[in-house]
């Protein structure tokens, strides 16, 4: 079963916190879905976390 969870910017000062993307959860996989106008892009959370970790490592070397 697929669960869609809207992810909002809870740090925003706006009364209605802006929706940034949706988390799609199916079995043991988590995907992030970003919507831009009529297009959408879906990426695995593990791919996002790996890229963030690589960027952290690169930044710590500088």
N, C-alpha and C. Protein backbone atom coordinates (compact mmCIF):
# COMPACT_ATOMS: atom_id res chain seq x y z
N UNK A 1 0.83 -1.18 0.00
CA UNK A 1 0.00 0.00 0.00
C UNK A 1 0.88 1.25 0.00
N UNK A 2 0.53 2.21 -0.82
CA UNK A 2 1.28 3.46 -0.94
C UNK A 2 0.69 4.50 0.00
N UNK A 3 1.56 5.13 0.78
CA UNK A 3 1.15 6.22 1.66
C UNK A 3 1.81 7.49 1.17
N UNK A 4 1.02 8.55 1.02
CA UNK A 4 1.53 9.86 0.59
C UNK A 4 1.47 10.80 1.79
N UNK A 5 2.64 11.34 2.17
CA UNK A 5 2.71 12.25 3.31
C UNK A 5 3.24 13.60 2.84
N UNK A 6 2.43 14.65 2.87
CA UNK A 6 2.93 15.97 2.51
C UNK A 6 4.00 16.42 3.51
N UNK A 7 5.09 16.94 3.01
CA UNK A 7 6.17 17.47 3.85
C UNK A 7 6.15 18.99 3.71
N UNK A 8 6.02 19.65 4.84
CA UNK A 8 5.90 21.11 4.84
C UNK A 8 7.11 21.75 5.51
N UNK A 9 7.35 23.00 5.18
CA UNK A 9 8.41 23.76 5.82
C UNK A 9 7.88 24.28 7.15
N UNK A 10 8.13 23.52 8.20
CA UNK A 10 7.60 23.89 9.52
C UNK A 10 8.31 25.09 10.12
N UNK A 11 9.42 25.51 9.52
CA UNK A 11 10.15 26.70 10.01
C UNK A 11 9.64 27.99 9.38
N UNK A 12 8.72 27.88 8.43
CA UNK A 12 8.20 29.05 7.73
C UNK A 12 7.41 29.94 8.69
N UNK A 13 7.45 31.24 8.43
CA UNK A 13 6.68 32.20 9.22
C UNK A 13 5.24 32.32 8.72
N UNK A 14 4.93 31.70 7.61
CA UNK A 14 3.58 31.81 7.04
C UNK A 14 2.58 31.04 7.89
N UNK A 15 1.34 31.52 7.92
CA UNK A 15 0.29 30.84 8.69
C UNK A 15 0.08 29.42 8.19
N UNK A 16 -0.03 29.27 6.88
CA UNK A 16 -0.12 27.93 6.29
C UNK A 16 1.27 27.56 5.83
N UNK A 17 1.86 26.57 6.47
CA UNK A 17 3.23 26.17 6.16
C UNK A 17 3.29 25.63 4.72
N UNK A 18 4.21 26.15 3.91
CA UNK A 18 4.29 25.73 2.50
C UNK A 18 4.64 24.25 2.36
N UNK A 19 3.97 23.62 1.42
CA UNK A 19 4.25 22.22 1.09
C UNK A 19 5.47 22.18 0.18
N UNK A 20 6.49 21.47 0.59
CA UNK A 20 7.75 21.43 -0.15
C UNK A 20 7.75 20.25 -1.12
N UNK A 21 7.35 19.08 -0.62
CA UNK A 21 7.26 17.88 -1.44
C UNK A 21 6.42 16.85 -0.71
N UNK A 22 6.20 15.72 -1.35
CA UNK A 22 5.50 14.61 -0.71
C UNK A 22 6.47 13.48 -0.48
N UNK A 23 6.34 12.80 0.64
CA UNK A 23 7.06 11.55 0.87
C UNK A 23 6.11 10.43 0.47
N UNK A 24 6.58 9.54 -0.39
CA UNK A 24 5.80 8.39 -0.82
C UNK A 24 6.42 7.16 -0.17
N UNK A 25 5.62 6.44 0.61
CA UNK A 25 6.12 5.30 1.36
C UNK A 25 5.40 4.06 0.88
N UNK A 26 6.19 3.09 0.39
CA UNK A 26 5.62 1.84 -0.10
C UNK A 26 6.53 0.70 0.35
N UNK A 27 5.98 -0.18 1.16
CA UNK A 27 6.76 -1.26 1.75
C UNK A 27 7.93 -0.65 2.52
N UNK A 28 9.17 -1.01 2.18
CA UNK A 28 10.34 -0.48 2.89
C UNK A 28 11.02 0.66 2.15
N UNK A 29 10.46 1.10 1.04
CA UNK A 29 11.07 2.17 0.25
C UNK A 29 10.40 3.51 0.53
N UNK A 30 11.21 4.56 0.57
CA UNK A 30 10.70 5.93 0.72
C UNK A 30 11.19 6.73 -0.48
N UNK A 31 10.27 7.42 -1.13
CA UNK A 31 10.58 8.28 -2.27
C UNK A 31 10.16 9.69 -1.93
N UNK A 32 10.80 10.67 -2.56
CA UNK A 32 10.39 12.06 -2.44
C UNK A 32 9.85 12.50 -3.78
N UNK A 33 8.68 13.13 -3.78
CA UNK A 33 8.06 13.60 -5.02
C UNK A 33 7.99 15.11 -4.97
N UNK A 34 8.68 15.76 -5.90
CA UNK A 34 8.68 17.21 -6.00
C UNK A 34 7.84 17.58 -7.20
N UNK A 35 6.93 18.52 -7.02
CA UNK A 35 6.05 18.94 -8.11
C UNK A 35 6.41 20.36 -8.53
N UNK A 36 6.65 20.54 -9.82
CA UNK A 36 6.90 21.86 -10.40
C UNK A 36 5.92 22.04 -11.54
N UNK A 37 4.96 22.92 -11.34
CA UNK A 37 3.92 23.17 -12.34
C UNK A 37 3.26 21.85 -12.72
N UNK A 38 3.37 21.45 -13.98
CA UNK A 38 2.70 20.22 -14.42
C UNK A 38 3.63 19.01 -14.40
N UNK A 39 4.88 19.22 -14.04
CA UNK A 39 5.84 18.13 -14.02
C UNK A 39 6.03 17.63 -12.60
N UNK A 40 6.49 16.40 -12.50
CA UNK A 40 6.84 15.88 -11.19
C UNK A 40 8.10 15.04 -11.32
N UNK A 41 8.85 15.02 -10.26
CA UNK A 41 10.10 14.25 -10.21
C UNK A 41 10.06 13.41 -8.95
N UNK A 42 10.39 12.12 -9.08
CA UNK A 42 10.40 11.23 -7.93
C UNK A 42 11.81 10.69 -7.75
N UNK A 43 12.31 10.77 -6.52
CA UNK A 43 13.67 10.32 -6.22
C UNK A 43 13.64 9.53 -4.91
N UNK A 44 14.45 8.47 -4.84
CA UNK A 44 14.54 7.68 -3.61
C UNK A 44 15.19 8.49 -2.50
N UNK A 45 14.66 8.38 -1.32
CA UNK A 45 15.23 9.07 -0.17
C UNK A 45 16.67 8.64 0.05
N UNK A 46 16.98 7.37 -0.13
CA UNK A 46 18.35 6.90 0.06
C UNK A 46 19.32 7.58 -0.90
N UNK A 47 18.87 7.88 -2.12
CA UNK A 47 19.71 8.60 -3.07
C UNK A 47 19.98 10.03 -2.60
N UNK A 48 18.95 10.66 -2.05
CA UNK A 48 19.10 12.02 -1.54
C UNK A 48 20.08 12.03 -0.35
N UNK A 49 19.88 11.10 0.57
CA UNK A 49 20.75 11.05 1.75
C UNK A 49 22.20 10.74 1.38
N UNK A 50 22.42 9.88 0.40
CA UNK A 50 23.77 9.56 -0.05
C UNK A 50 24.44 10.80 -0.62
N UNK A 51 23.72 11.57 -1.45
CA UNK A 51 24.30 12.77 -2.04
C UNK A 51 24.61 13.82 -0.97
N UNK A 52 23.75 13.92 0.02
CA UNK A 52 24.00 14.87 1.10
C UNK A 52 25.25 14.45 1.87
N UNK A 53 25.38 13.17 2.16
CA UNK A 53 26.55 12.69 2.89
C UNK A 53 27.83 12.90 2.08
N UNK A 54 27.78 12.68 0.77
CA UNK A 54 28.95 12.93 -0.08
C UNK A 54 29.33 14.40 -0.06
N UNK A 55 28.34 15.27 -0.07
CA UNK A 55 28.61 16.71 -0.03
C UNK A 55 29.22 17.11 1.32
N UNK A 56 28.73 16.51 2.40
CA UNK A 56 29.29 16.77 3.72
C UNK A 56 30.76 16.37 3.78
N UNK A 57 31.05 15.18 3.25
CA UNK A 57 32.45 14.71 3.25
C UNK A 57 33.33 15.64 2.44
N UNK A 58 32.84 16.07 1.29
CA UNK A 58 33.62 16.97 0.44
C UNK A 58 33.84 18.31 1.16
N UNK A 59 32.84 18.80 1.82
CA UNK A 59 32.95 20.09 2.52
C UNK A 59 33.92 19.99 3.69
N UNK A 60 33.97 18.85 4.35
CA UNK A 60 34.87 18.71 5.50
C UNK A 60 36.33 18.61 5.08
N UNK A 61 36.56 18.24 3.83
CA UNK A 61 37.94 18.16 3.32
C UNK A 61 38.48 19.54 2.98
N UNK A 62 37.61 20.52 2.80
CA UNK A 62 38.04 21.87 2.41
C UNK A 62 38.32 22.74 3.58
